[in-house]
Amino acid sequence: MVTDFAALQSRFRGEVLVPGVEGYEAARRIWNGMIDRRPEVIARCAQPDDVLQAVRFAADRAIYPAVRAGGHNVAGTAMVEGGLVIDVSRMKRITVDLETRTATAETGPT
């Protein structure tokens, strides 16, 4: 499958990694070293809108997605062969509103 990933990068704040690009090999490794899958693209999200853009991109092009937060699932479901990995592991912001006594955490804290 050949897809125009530049279209995703143009509306994406994070990194879009494809095979052969620096950082791709490291980004596709997960905790379970027995899992050796090679996604067609890894979308390393930097903000919530990146997640939305990646999901829309996958849906519009019928690309099978996987979601990676910590990458610790023993079955390796955070990585997909030939599909799109939506990597939220860098989204680690936590905010606390003292007035309302609420905290909001993004998806990446482990």
PDB file of N, CA and C in Angstrom:
ATOM      1  N   MET A   1       0.843  -1.177   0.000  1.00  0.00           N
ATOM      2  CA  MET A   1       0.000   0.000   0.000  1.00  0.00           C
ATOM      3  C   MET A   1       0.892   1.246   0.000  1.00  0.00           C
ATOM      4  N   VAL A   2       0.704   2.104  -0.932  1.00  0.00           N
ATOM      5  CA  VAL A   2       1.456   3.356  -1.002  1.00  0.00           C
ATOM      6  C   VAL A   2       0.481   4.489  -0.702  1.00  0.00           C
ATOM      7  N   THR A   3       0.784   5.252   0.315  1.00  0.00           N
ATOM      8  CA  THR A   3      -0.100   6.322   0.755  1.00  0.00           C
ATOM      9  C   THR A   3       0.694   7.609   0.884  1.00  0.00           C
ATOM     10  N   ASP A   4       0.021   8.727   0.633  1.00  0.00           N
ATOM     11  CA  ASP A   4       0.653  10.037   0.738  1.00  0.00           C
ATOM     12  C   ASP A   4       0.653  10.491   2.193  1.00  0.00           C
ATOM     13  N   PHE A   5       1.707  10.148   2.926  1.00  0.00           N
ATOM     14  CA  PHE A   5       1.777  10.511   4.334  1.00  0.00           C
ATOM     15  C   PHE A   5       2.115  11.982   4.536  1.00  0.00           C
ATOM     16  N   ALA A   6       2.545  12.655   3.494  1.00  0.00           N
ATOM     17  CA  ALA A   6       2.780  14.099   3.595  1.00  0.00           C
ATOM     18  C   ALA A   6       1.469  14.814   3.914  1.00  0.00           C
ATOM     19  N   ALA A   7       0.348  14.266   3.442  1.00  0.00           N
ATOM     20  CA  ALA A   7      -0.957  14.855   3.732  1.00  0.00           C
ATOM     21  C   ALA A   7      -1.246  14.813   5.229  1.00  0.00           C
ATOM     22  N   LEU A   8      -0.832  13.739   5.890  1.00  0.00           N
ATOM     23  CA  LEU A   8      -1.002  13.654   7.341  1.00  0.00           C
ATOM     24  C   LEU A   8      -0.054  14.623   8.037  1.00  0.00           C
ATOM     25  N   GLN A   9       1.204  14.635   7.639  1.00  0.00           N
ATOM     26  CA  GLN A   9       2.189  15.510   8.280  1.00  0.00           C
ATOM     27  C   GLN A   9       1.807  16.979   8.152  1.00  0.00           C
ATOM     28  N   SER A  10       1.162  17.355   7.059  1.00  0.00           N
ATOM     29  CA  SER A  10       0.817  18.766   6.844  1.00  0.00           C
ATOM     30  C   SER A  10      -0.175  19.295   7.881  1.00  0.00           C
ATOM     31  N   ARG A  11      -0.945  18.432   8.508  1.00  0.00           N
ATOM     32  CA  ARG A  11      -1.903  18.878   9.524  1.00  0.00           C
ATOM     33  C   ARG A  11      -1.633  18.235  10.882  1.00  0.00           C
ATOM     34  N   PHE A  12      -0.386  17.914  11.114  1.00  0.00           N
ATOM     35  CA  PHE A  12       0.015  17.148  12.285  1.00  0.00           C
ATOM     36  C   PHE A  12       1.146  17.883  12.992  1.00  0.00           C
ATOM     37  N   ARG A  13       1.034  18.076  14.289  1.00  0.00           N
ATOM     38  CA  ARG A  13       2.079  18.779  15.041  1.00  0.00           C
ATOM     39  C   ARG A  13       3.222  17.841  15.441  1.00  0.00           C
ATOM     40  N   GLY A  14       2.905  16.568  15.656  1.00  0.00           N
ATOM     41  CA  GLY A  14       3.912  15.593  16.044  1.00  0.00           C
ATOM     42  C   GLY A  14       4.727  15.100  14.864  1.00  0.00           C
ATOM     43  N   GLU A  15       5.332  13.921  15.025  1.00  0.00           N
ATOM     44  CA  GLU A  15       6.166  13.325  13.973  1.00  0.00           C
ATOM     45  C   GLU A  15       5.398  12.255  13.206  1.00  0.00           C
ATOM     46  N   VAL A  16       5.644  12.181  11.917  1.00  0.00           N
ATOM     47  CA  VAL A  16       5.125  11.097  11.090  1.00  0.00           C
ATOM     48  C   VAL A  16       6.343  10.327  10.591  1.00  0.00           C
ATOM     49  N   LEU A  17       6.461   9.075  11.033  1.00  0.00           N
ATOM     50  CA  LEU A  17       7.626   8.259  10.705  1.00  0.00           C
ATOM     51  C   LEU A  17       7.236   7.123   9.772  1.00  0.00           C
ATOM     52  N   VAL A  18       8.010   6.948   8.727  1.00  0.00           N
ATOM     53  CA  VAL A  18       7.807   5.859   7.771  1.00  0.00           C
ATOM     54  C   VAL A  18       9.114   5.069   7.672  1.00  0.00           C
ATOM     55  N   PRO A  19       9.061   3.832   7.179  1.00  0.00           N
ATOM     56  CA  PRO A  19      10.290   3.045   7.052  1.00  0.00           C
ATOM     57  C   PRO A  19      11.371   3.811   6.290  1.00  0.00           C
ATOM     58  N   GLY A  20      12.582   3.726   6.798  1.00  0.00           N
ATOM     59  CA  GLY A  20      13.717   4.399   6.171  1.00  0.00           C
ATOM     60  C   GLY A  20      14.013   5.772   6.734  1.00  0.00           C
ATOM     61  N   VAL A  21      13.086   6.343   7.494  1.00  0.00           N
ATOM     62  CA  VAL A  21      13.271   7.660   8.099  1.00  0.00           C
ATOM     63  C   VAL A  21      13.931   7.476   9.467  1.00  0.00           C
ATOM     64  N   GLU A  22      14.842   8.374   9.801  1.00  0.00           N
ATOM     65  CA  GLU A  22      15.502   8.312  11.105  1.00  0.00           C
ATOM     66  C   GLU A  22      14.465   8.315  12.229  1.00  0.00           C
ATOM     67  N   GLY A  23      14.618   7.407  13.142  1.00  0.00           N
ATOM     68  CA  GLY A  23      13.712   7.308  14.272  1.00  0.00           C
ATOM     69  C   GLY A  23      12.645   6.237  14.130  1.00  0.00           C
ATOM     70  N   TYR A  24      12.400   5.785  12.899  1.00  0.00           N
ATOM     71  CA  TYR A  24      11.351   4.788  12.665  1.00  0.00           C
ATOM     72  C   TYR A  24      11.653   3.480  13.390  1.00  0.00           C
ATOM     73  N   GLU A  25      12.859   2.964  13.242  1.00  0.00           N
ATOM     74  CA  GLU A  25      13.202   1.665  13.840  1.00  0.00           C
ATOM     75  C   GLU A  25      13.058   1.698  15.358  1.00  0.00           C
ATOM     76  N   ALA A  26      13.529   2.748  15.989  1.00  0.00           N
ATOM     77  CA  ALA A  26      13.403   2.868  17.442  1.00  0.00           C
ATOM     78  C   ALA A  26      11.935   3.005  17.848  1.00  0.00           C
ATOM     79  N   ALA A  27      11.160   3.734  17.073  1.00  0.00           N
ATOM     80  CA  ALA A  27       9.761   3.988  17.410  1.00  0.00           C
ATOM     81  C   ALA A  27       8.895   2.737  17.267  1.00  0.00           C
ATOM     82  N   ARG A  28       9.310   1.785  16.449  1.00  0.00           N
ATOM     83  CA  ARG A  28       8.484   0.592  16.254  1.00  0.00           C
ATOM     84  C   ARG A  28       8.791  -0.507  17.268  1.00  0.00           C
ATOM     85  N   ARG A  29       9.822  -0.322  18.085  1.00  0.00           N
ATOM     86  CA  ARG A  29      10.148  -1.320  19.107  1.00  0.00           C
ATOM     87  C   ARG A  29       9.198  -1.184  20.298  1.00  0.00           C
ATOM     88  N   ILE A  30       8.788  -2.330  20.805  1.00  0.00           N
ATOM     89  CA  ILE A  30       7.932  -2.332  21.981  1.00  0.00           C
ATOM     90  C   ILE A  30       8.557  -3.217  23.052  1.00  0.00           C
ATOM     91  N   TRP A  31       7.965  -3.200  24.222  1.00  0.00           N
ATOM     92  CA  TRP A  31       8.488  -3.914  25.380  1.00  0.00           C
ATOM     93  C   TRP A  31       8.725  -5.394  25.087  1.00  0.00           C
ATOM     94  N   ASN A  32       7.791  -6.053  24.430  1.00  0.00           N
ATOM     95  CA  ASN A  32       7.928  -7.478  24.118  1.00  0.00           C
ATOM     96  C   ASN A  32       8.781  -7.615  22.859  1.00  0.00           C
ATOM     97  N   GLY A  33      10.056  -7.916  23.037  1.00  0.00           N
ATOM     98  CA  GLY A  33      10.992  -8.004  21.926  1.00  0.00           C
ATOM     99  C   GLY A  33      10.689  -9.114  20.933  1.00  0.00           C
ATOM    100  N   MET A  34       9.788 -10.039  21.282  1.00  0.00           N
ATOM    101  CA  MET A  34       9.410 -11.099  20.347  1.00  0.00           C
ATOM    102  C   MET A  34       8.459 -10.588  19.269  1.00  0.00           C
ATOM    103  N   ILE A  35       7.879  -9.434  19.484  1.00  0.00           N
ATOM    104  CA  ILE A  35       6.974  -8.829  18.502  1.00  0.00           C
ATOM    105  C   ILE A  35       7.809  -7.972  17.569  1.00  0.00           C
ATOM    106  N   ASP A  36       7.778  -8.290  16.290  1.00  0.00           N
ATOM    107  CA  ASP A  36       8.585  -7.574  15.298  1.00  0.00           C
ATOM    108  C   ASP A  36       7.699  -7.163  14.125  1.00  0.00           C
ATOM    109  N   ARG A  37       6.838  -6.193  14.367  1.00  0.00           N
ATOM    110  CA  ARG A  37       5.912  -5.735  13.332  1.00  0.00           C
ATOM    111  C   ARG A  37       6.425  -4.429  12.740  1.00  0.00           C
ATOM    112  N   ARG A  38       6.111  -4.247  11.467  1.00  0.00           N
ATOM    113  CA  ARG A  38       6.556  -3.055  10.744  1.00  0.00           C
ATOM    114  C   ARG A  38       5.350  -2.300  10.196  1.00  0.00           C
ATOM    115  N   PRO A  39       4.917  -1.290  10.929  1.00  0.00           N
ATOM    116  CA  PRO A  39       3.800  -0.492  10.424  1.00  0.00           C
ATOM    117  C   PRO A  39       4.212   0.320   9.198  1.00  0.00           C
ATOM    118  N   GLU A  40       3.234   0.679   8.396  1.00  0.00           N
ATOM    119  CA  GLU A  40       3.513   1.517   7.240  1.00  0.00           C
ATOM    120  C   GLU A  40       3.828   2.948   7.672  1.00  0.00           C
ATOM    121  N   VAL A  41       3.239   3.359   8.791  1.00  0.00           N
ATOM    122  CA  VAL A  41       3.491   4.703   9.317  1.00  0.00           C
ATOM    123  C   VAL A  41       3.269   4.705  10.831  1.00  0.00           C
ATOM    124  N   ILE A  42       4.065   5.508  11.525  1.00  0.00           N
ATOM    125  CA  ILE A  42       3.899   5.733  12.955  1.00  0.00           C
ATOM    126  C   ILE A  42       3.635   7.218  13.140  1.00  0.00           C
ATOM    127  N   ALA A  43       2.471   7.530  13.682  1.00  0.00           N
ATOM    128  CA  ALA A  43       2.087   8.920  13.938  1.00  0.00           C
ATOM    129  C   ALA A  43       2.318   9.196  15.415  1.00  0.00           C
ATOM    130  N   ARG A  44       3.407   9.901  15.728  1.00  0.00           N
ATOM    131  CA  ARG A  44       3.749  10.212  17.127  1.00  0.00           C
ATOM    132  C   ARG A  44       3.068  11.516  17.513  1.00  0.00           C
ATOM    133  N   CYS A  45       1.949  11.397  18.193  1.00  0.00           N
ATOM    134  CA  CYS A  45       1.104  12.542  18.509  1.00  0.00           C
ATOM    135  C   CYS A  45       1.724  13.448  19.565  1.00  0.00           C
ATOM    136  N   ALA A  46       1.539  14.748  19.368  1.00  0.00           N
ATOM    137  CA  ALA A  46       2.041  15.746  20.314  1.00  0.00           C
ATOM    138  C   ALA A  46       0.905  16.442  21.055  1.00  0.00           C
ATOM    139  N   GLN A  47      -0.312  16.302  20.562  1.00  0.00           N
ATOM    140  CA  GLN A  47      -1.460  16.992  21.160  1.00  0.00           C
ATOM    141  C   GLN A  47      -2.733  16.230  20.784  1.00  0.00           C
ATOM    142  N   PRO A  48      -3.836  16.477  21.478  1.00  0.00           N
ATOM    143  CA  PRO A  48      -5.076  15.759  21.193  1.00  0.00           C
ATOM    144  C   PRO A  48      -5.539  15.874  19.736  1.00  0.00           C
ATOM    145  N   ASP A  49      -5.347  17.021  19.109  1.00  0.00           N
ATOM    146  CA  ASP A  49      -5.770  17.165  17.718  1.00  0.00           C
ATOM    147  C   ASP A  49      -4.992  16.237  16.789  1.00  0.00           C
ATOM    148  N   ASP A  50      -3.751  15.908  17.140  1.00  0.00           N
ATOM    149  CA  ASP A  50      -2.976  14.948  16.344  1.00  0.00           C
ATOM    150  C   ASP A  50      -3.655  13.582  16.333  1.00  0.00           C
ATOM    151  N   VAL A  51      -4.197  13.183  17.486  1.00  0.00           N
ATOM    152  CA  VAL A  51      -4.899  11.904  17.569  1.00  0.00           C
ATOM    153  C   VAL A  51      -6.089  11.917  16.613  1.00  0.00           C
ATOM    154  N   LEU A  52      -6.849  12.989  16.649  1.00  0.00           N
ATOM    155  CA  LEU A  52      -8.000  13.132  15.760  1.00  0.00           C
ATOM    156  C   LEU A  52      -7.575  13.061  14.295  1.00  0.00           C
ATOM    157  N   GLN A  53      -6.525  13.773  13.940  1.00  0.00           N
ATOM    158  CA  GLN A  53      -6.052  13.766  12.550  1.00  0.00           C
ATOM    159  C   GLN A  53      -5.603  12.371  12.121  1.00  0.00           C
ATOM    160  N   ALA A  54      -4.912  11.653  13.001  1.00  0.00           N
ATOM    161  CA  ALA A  54      -4.442  10.306  12.672  1.00  0.00           C
ATOM    162  C   ALA A  54      -5.608   9.340  12.492  1.00  0.00           C
ATOM    163  N   VAL A  55      -6.600   9.432  13.367  1.00  0.00           N
ATOM    164  CA  VAL A  55      -7.777   8.564  13.259  1.00  0.00           C
ATOM    165  C   VAL A  55      -8.523   8.856  11.953  1.00  0.00           C
ATOM    166  N   ARG A  56      -8.720  10.122  11.649  1.00  0.00           N
ATOM    167  CA  ARG A  56      -9.394  10.482  10.395  1.00  0.00           C
ATOM    168  C   ARG A  56      -8.609  10.015   9.175  1.00  0.00           C
ATOM    169  N   PHE A  57      -7.297  10.178   9.217  1.00  0.00           N
ATOM    170  CA  PHE A  57      -6.440   9.760   8.113  1.00  0.00           C
ATOM    171  C   PHE A  57      -6.592   8.253   7.874  1.00  0.00           C
ATOM    172  N   ALA A  58      -6.535   7.483   8.955  1.00  0.00           N
ATOM    173  CA  ALA A  58      -6.676   6.024   8.837  1.00  0.00           C
ATOM    174  C   ALA A  58      -8.059   5.651   8.310  1.00  0.00           C
ATOM    175  N   ALA A  59      -9.096   6.276   8.831  1.00  0.00           N
ATOM    176  CA  ALA A  59     -10.462   5.960   8.403  1.00  0.00           C
ATOM    177  C   ALA A  59     -10.694   6.333   6.938  1.00  0.00           C
ATOM    178  N   ASP A  60     -10.229   7.507   6.534  1.00  0.00           N
ATOM    179  CA  ASP A  60     -10.430   7.970   5.158  1.00  0.00           C
ATOM    180  C   ASP A  60      -9.735   7.081   4.139  1.00  0.00           C
ATOM    181  N   ARG A  61      -8.655   6.433   4.549  1.00  0.00           N
ATOM    182  CA  ARG A  61      -7.861   5.623   3.620  1.00  0.00           C
ATOM    183  C   ARG A  61      -7.961   4.128   3.902  1.00  0.00           C
ATOM    184  N   ALA A  62      -8.831   3.756   4.805  1.00  0.00           N
ATOM    185  CA  ALA A  62      -9.039   2.350   5.188  1.00  0.00           C
ATOM    186  C   ALA A  62      -7.723   1.682   5.591  1.00  0.00           C
ATOM    187  N   ILE A  63      -6.927   2.400   6.387  1.00  0.00           N
ATOM    188  CA  ILE A  63      -5.673   1.876   6.922  1.00  0.00           C
ATOM    189  C   ILE A  63      -5.960   1.348   8.316  1.00  0.00           C
ATOM    190  N   TYR A  64      -5.547   0.117   8.587  1.00  0.00           N
ATOM    191  CA  TYR A  64      -5.793  -0.482   9.896  1.00  0.00           C
ATOM    192  C   TYR A  64      -4.923   0.207  10.944  1.00  0.00           C
ATOM    193  N   PRO A  65      -5.529   0.722  12.045  1.00  0.00           N
ATOM    194  CA  PRO A  65      -4.747   1.407  13.080  1.00  0.00           C
ATOM    195  C   PRO A  65      -4.484   0.542  14.314  1.00  0.00           C
ATOM    196  N   ALA A  66      -3.445   0.894  15.028  1.00  0.00           N
ATOM    197  CA  ALA A  66      -3.174   0.384  16.376  1.00  0.00           C
ATOM    198  C   ALA A  66      -2.848   1.599  17.230  1.00  0.00           C
ATOM    199  N   VAL A  67      -3.116   1.514  18.513  1.00  0.00           N
ATOM    200  CA  VAL A  67      -2.836   2.632  19.415  1.00  0.00           C
ATOM    201  C   VAL A  67      -1.757   2.199  20.399  1.00  0.00           C
ATOM    202  N   ARG A  68      -0.762   3.061  20.536  1.00  0.00           N
ATOM    203  CA  ARG A  68       0.345   2.780  21.452  1.00  0.00           C
ATOM    204  C   ARG A  68       0.417   3.875  22.511  1.00  0.00           C
ATOM    205  N   ALA A  69       0.374   3.451  23.764  1.00  0.00           N
ATOM    206  CA  ALA A  69       0.591   4.399  24.858  1.00  0.00           C
ATOM    207  C   ALA A  69       1.942   4.067  25.470  1.00  0.00           C
ATOM    208  N   GLY A  70       1.998   3.049  26.316  1.00  0.00           N
ATOM    209  CA  GLY A  70       3.263   2.645  26.919  1.00  0.00           C
ATOM    210  C   GLY A  70       3.960   1.541  26.148  1.00  0.00           C
ATOM    211  N   GLY A  71       3.218   0.811  25.312  1.00  0.00           N
ATOM    212  CA  GLY A  71       3.794  -0.279  24.530  1.00  0.00           C
ATOM    213  C   GLY A  71       4.091  -1.517  25.350  1.00  0.00           C
ATOM    214  N   HIS A  72       3.427  -1.666  26.503  1.00  0.00           N
ATOM    215  CA  HIS A  72       3.730  -2.767  27.410  1.00  0.00           C
ATOM    216  C   HIS A  72       2.795  -3.960  27.287  1.00  0.00           C
ATOM    217  N   ASN A  73       1.841  -3.939  26.380  1.00  0.00           N
ATOM    218  CA  ASN A  73       0.932  -5.067  26.222  1.00  0.00           C
ATOM    219  C   ASN A  73       1.707  -6.280  25.731  1.00  0.00           C
ATOM    220  N   VAL A  74       1.649  -7.373  26.461  1.00  0.00           N
ATOM    221  CA  VAL A  74       2.447  -8.554  26.141  1.00  0.00           C
ATOM    222  C   VAL A  74       2.119  -9.128  24.762  1.00  0.00           C
ATOM    223  N   ALA A  75       0.888  -8.949  24.303  1.00  0.00           N
ATOM    224  CA  ALA A  75       0.480  -9.477  22.993  1.00  0.00           C
ATOM    225  C   ALA A  75       0.950  -8.602  21.835  1.00  0.00           C
ATOM    226  N   GLY A  76       1.455  -7.431  22.142  1.00  0.00           N
ATOM    227  CA  GLY A  76       1.979  -6.565  21.093  1.00  0.00           C
ATOM    228  C   GLY A  76       0.927  -5.818  20.303  1.00  0.00           C
ATOM    229  N   THR A  77      -0.243  -5.603  20.879  1.00  0.00           N
ATOM    230  CA  THR A  77      -1.316  -4.927  20.142  1.00  0.00           C
ATOM    231  C   THR A  77      -1.036  -3.451  19.881  1.00  0.00           C
ATOM    232  N   ALA A  78       0.023  -2.916  20.474  1.00  0.00           N
ATOM    233  CA  ALA A  78       0.391  -1.517  20.236  1.00  0.00           C
ATOM    234  C   ALA A  78       1.089  -1.335  18.891  1.00  0.00           C
ATOM    235  N   MET A  79       1.404  -2.423  18.223  1.00  0.00           N
ATOM    236  CA  MET A  79       2.110  -2.363  16.938  1.00  0.00           C
ATOM    237  C   MET A  79       1.322  -3.189  15.928  1.00  0.00           C
ATOM    238  N   VAL A  80       1.278  -2.713  14.693  1.00  0.00           N
ATOM    239  CA  VAL A  80       0.510  -3.386  13.653  1.00  0.00           C
ATOM    240  C   VAL A  80       1.384  -3.571  12.416  1.00  0.00           C
ATOM    241  N   GLU A  81       1.238  -4.686  11.775  1.00  0.00           N
ATOM    242  CA  GLU A  81       1.977  -4.953  10.534  1.00  0.00           C
ATOM    243  C   GLU A  81       1.294  -4.229   9.376  1.00  0.00           C
ATOM    244  N   GLY A  82       2.028  -3.323   8.744  1.00  0.00           N
ATOM    245  CA  GLY A  82       1.525  -2.652   7.547  1.00  0.00           C
ATOM    246  C   GLY A  82       0.499  -1.567   7.757  1.00  0.00           C
ATOM    247  N   GLY A  83       0.090  -1.305   8.962  1.00  0.00           N
ATOM    248  CA  GLY A  83      -0.940  -0.301   9.212  1.00  0.00           C
ATOM    249  C   GLY A  83      -0.378   0.998   9.739  1.00  0.00           C
ATOM    250  N   LEU A  84      -1.193   1.691  10.531  1.00  0.00           N
ATOM    251  CA  LEU A  84      -0.822   2.976  11.105  1.00  0.00           C
ATOM    252  C   LEU A  84      -0.823   2.865  12.622  1.00  0.00           C
ATOM    253  N   VAL A  85       0.268   3.224  13.261  1.00  0.00           N
ATOM    254  CA  VAL A  85       0.343   3.244  14.713  1.00  0.00           C
ATOM    255  C   VAL A  85       0.119   4.675  15.177  1.00  0.00           C
ATOM    256  N   ILE A  86      -0.893   4.846  16.009  1.00  0.00           N
ATOM    257  CA  ILE A  86      -1.183   6.142  16.615  1.00  0.00           C
ATOM    258  C   ILE A  86      -0.503   6.108  17.987  1.00  0.00           C
ATOM    259  N   ASP A  87       0.653   6.744  18.069  1.00  0.00           N
ATOM    260  CA  ASP A  87       1.509   6.684  19.254  1.00  0.00           C
ATOM    261  C   ASP A  87       1.260   7.905  20.127  1.00  0.00           C
ATOM    262  N   VAL A  88       0.644   7.673  21.282  1.00  0.00           N
ATOM    263  CA  VAL A  88       0.335   8.768  22.209  1.00  0.00           C
ATOM    264  C   VAL A  88       1.281   8.785  23.405  1.00  0.00           C
ATOM    265  N   SER A  89       2.365   8.021  23.333  1.00  0.00           N
ATOM    266  CA  SER A  89       3.267   7.877  24.483  1.00  0.00           C
ATOM    267  C   SER A  89       3.947   9.175  24.900  1.00  0.00           C
ATOM    268  N   ARG A  90       4.047  10.129  24.020  1.00  0.00           N
ATOM    269  CA  ARG A  90       4.684  11.411  24.369  1.00  0.00           C
ATOM    270  C   ARG A  90       3.705  12.421  24.980  1.00  0.00           C
ATOM    271  N   MET A  91       2.445  12.093  24.969  1.00  0.00           N
ATOM    272  CA  MET A  91       1.425  13.001  25.498  1.00  0.00           C
ATOM    273  C   MET A  91       1.297  12.745  27.009  1.00  0.00           C
ATOM    274  N   LYS A  92       2.125  13.410  27.787  1.00  0.00           N
ATOM    275  CA  LYS A  92       2.236  13.141  29.224  1.00  0.00           C
ATOM    276  C   LYS A  92       1.815  14.307  30.110  1.00  0.00           C
ATOM    277  N   ARG A  93       1.202  15.319  29.528  1.00  0.00           N
ATOM    278  CA  ARG A  93       0.839  16.488  30.327  1.00  0.00           C
ATOM    279  C   ARG A  93      -0.239  16.155  31.365  1.00  0.00           C
ATOM    280  N   ILE A  94      -0.053  16.707  32.535  1.00  0.00           N
ATOM    281  CA  ILE A  94      -1.036  16.603  33.610  1.00  0.00           C
ATOM    282  C   ILE A  94      -1.271  18.018  34.118  1.00  0.00           C
ATOM    283  N   THR A  95      -2.515  18.416  34.173  1.00  0.00           N
ATOM    284  CA  THR A  95      -2.844  19.746  34.692  1.00  0.00           C
ATOM    285  C   THR A  95      -3.767  19.589  35.900  1.00  0.00           C
ATOM    286  N   VAL A  96      -3.600  20.494  36.833  1.00  0.00           N
ATOM    287  CA  VAL A  96      -4.405  20.475  38.051  1.00  0.00           C
ATOM    288  C   VAL A  96      -5.070  21.836  38.194  1.00  0.00           C
ATOM    289  N   ASP A  97      -6.371  21.829  38.370  1.00  0.00           N
ATOM    290  CA  ASP A  97      -7.134  23.048  38.622  1.00  0.00           C
ATOM    291  C   ASP A  97      -7.449  23.061  40.117  1.00  0.00           C
ATOM    292  N   LEU A  98      -6.734  23.901  40.850  1.00  0.00           N
ATOM    293  CA  LEU A  98      -6.901  23.935  42.304  1.00  0.00           C
ATOM    294  C   LEU A  98      -8.275  24.455  42.709  1.00  0.00           C
ATOM    295  N   GLU A  99      -8.815  25.344  41.910  1.00  0.00           N
ATOM    296  CA  GLU A  99     -10.119  25.923  42.241  1.00  0.00           C
ATOM    297  C   GLU A  99     -11.232  24.878  42.195  1.00  0.00           C
ATOM    298  N   THR A 100     -11.234  24.068  41.148  1.00  0.00           N
ATOM    299  CA  THR A 100     -12.282  23.046  41.016  1.00  0.00           C
ATOM    300  C   THR A 100     -11.856  21.691  41.580  1.00  0.00           C
ATOM    301  N   ARG A 101     -10.592  21.630  42.019  1.00  0.00           N
ATOM    302  CA  ARG A 101     -10.029  20.404  42.582  1.00  0.00           C
ATOM    303  C   ARG A 101     -10.149  19.228  41.610  1.00  0.00           C
ATOM    304  N   THR A 102      -9.751  19.503  40.349  1.00  0.00           N
ATOM    305  CA  THR A 102      -9.766  18.462  39.331  1.00  0.00           C
ATOM    306  C   THR A 102      -8.398  18.379  38.660  1.00  0.00           C
ATOM    307  N   ALA A 103      -8.089  17.199  38.199  1.00  0.00           N
ATOM    308  CA  ALA A 103      -6.851  16.982  37.454  1.00  0.00           C
ATOM    309  C   ALA A 103      -7.217  16.368  36.107  1.00  0.00           C
ATOM    310  N   THR A 104      -6.446  16.741  35.092  1.00  0.00           N
ATOM    311  CA  THR A 104      -6.635  16.194  33.761  1.00  0.00           C
ATOM    312  C   THR A 104      -5.297  15.629  33.304  1.00  0.00           C
ATOM    313  N   ALA A 105      -5.323  14.381  32.840  1.00  0.00           N
ATOM    314  CA  ALA A 105      -4.107  13.734  32.381  1.00  0.00           C
ATOM    315  C   ALA A 105      -4.275  13.304  30.935  1.00  0.00           C
ATOM    316  N   GLU A 106      -3.231  13.525  30.136  1.00  0.00           N
ATOM    317  CA  GLU A 106      -3.245  13.011  28.770  1.00  0.00           C
ATOM    318  C   GLU A 106      -3.015  11.502  28.808  1.00  0.00           C
ATOM    319  N   THR A 107      -2.954  10.888  27.665  1.00  0.00           N
ATOM    320  CA  THR A 107      -2.949   9.424  27.586  1.00  0.00           C
ATOM    321  C   THR A 107      -1.604   8.772  27.801  1.00  0.00           C
ATOM    322  N   GLY A 108      -0.496   9.502  27.806  1.00  0.00           N
ATOM    323  CA  GLY A 108       0.822   8.892  27.833  1.00  0.00           C
ATOM    324  C   GLY A 108       1.470   8.595  29.165  1.00  0.00           C
ATOM    325  N   PRO A 109       1.027   9.192  30.284  1.00  0.00           N
ATOM    326  CA  PRO A 109       1.728   8.901  31.543  1.00  0.00           C
ATOM    327  C   PRO A 109       1.690   7.416  31.880  1.00  0.00           C
ATOM    328  N   THR A 110       2.846   6.897  32.285  1.00  0.00           N
ATOM    329  CA  THR A 110       2.898   5.479  32.669  1.00  0.00           C
ATOM    330  C   THR A 110       3.414   5.339  34.077  1.00  0.00           C
TER     331      THR A 110
END
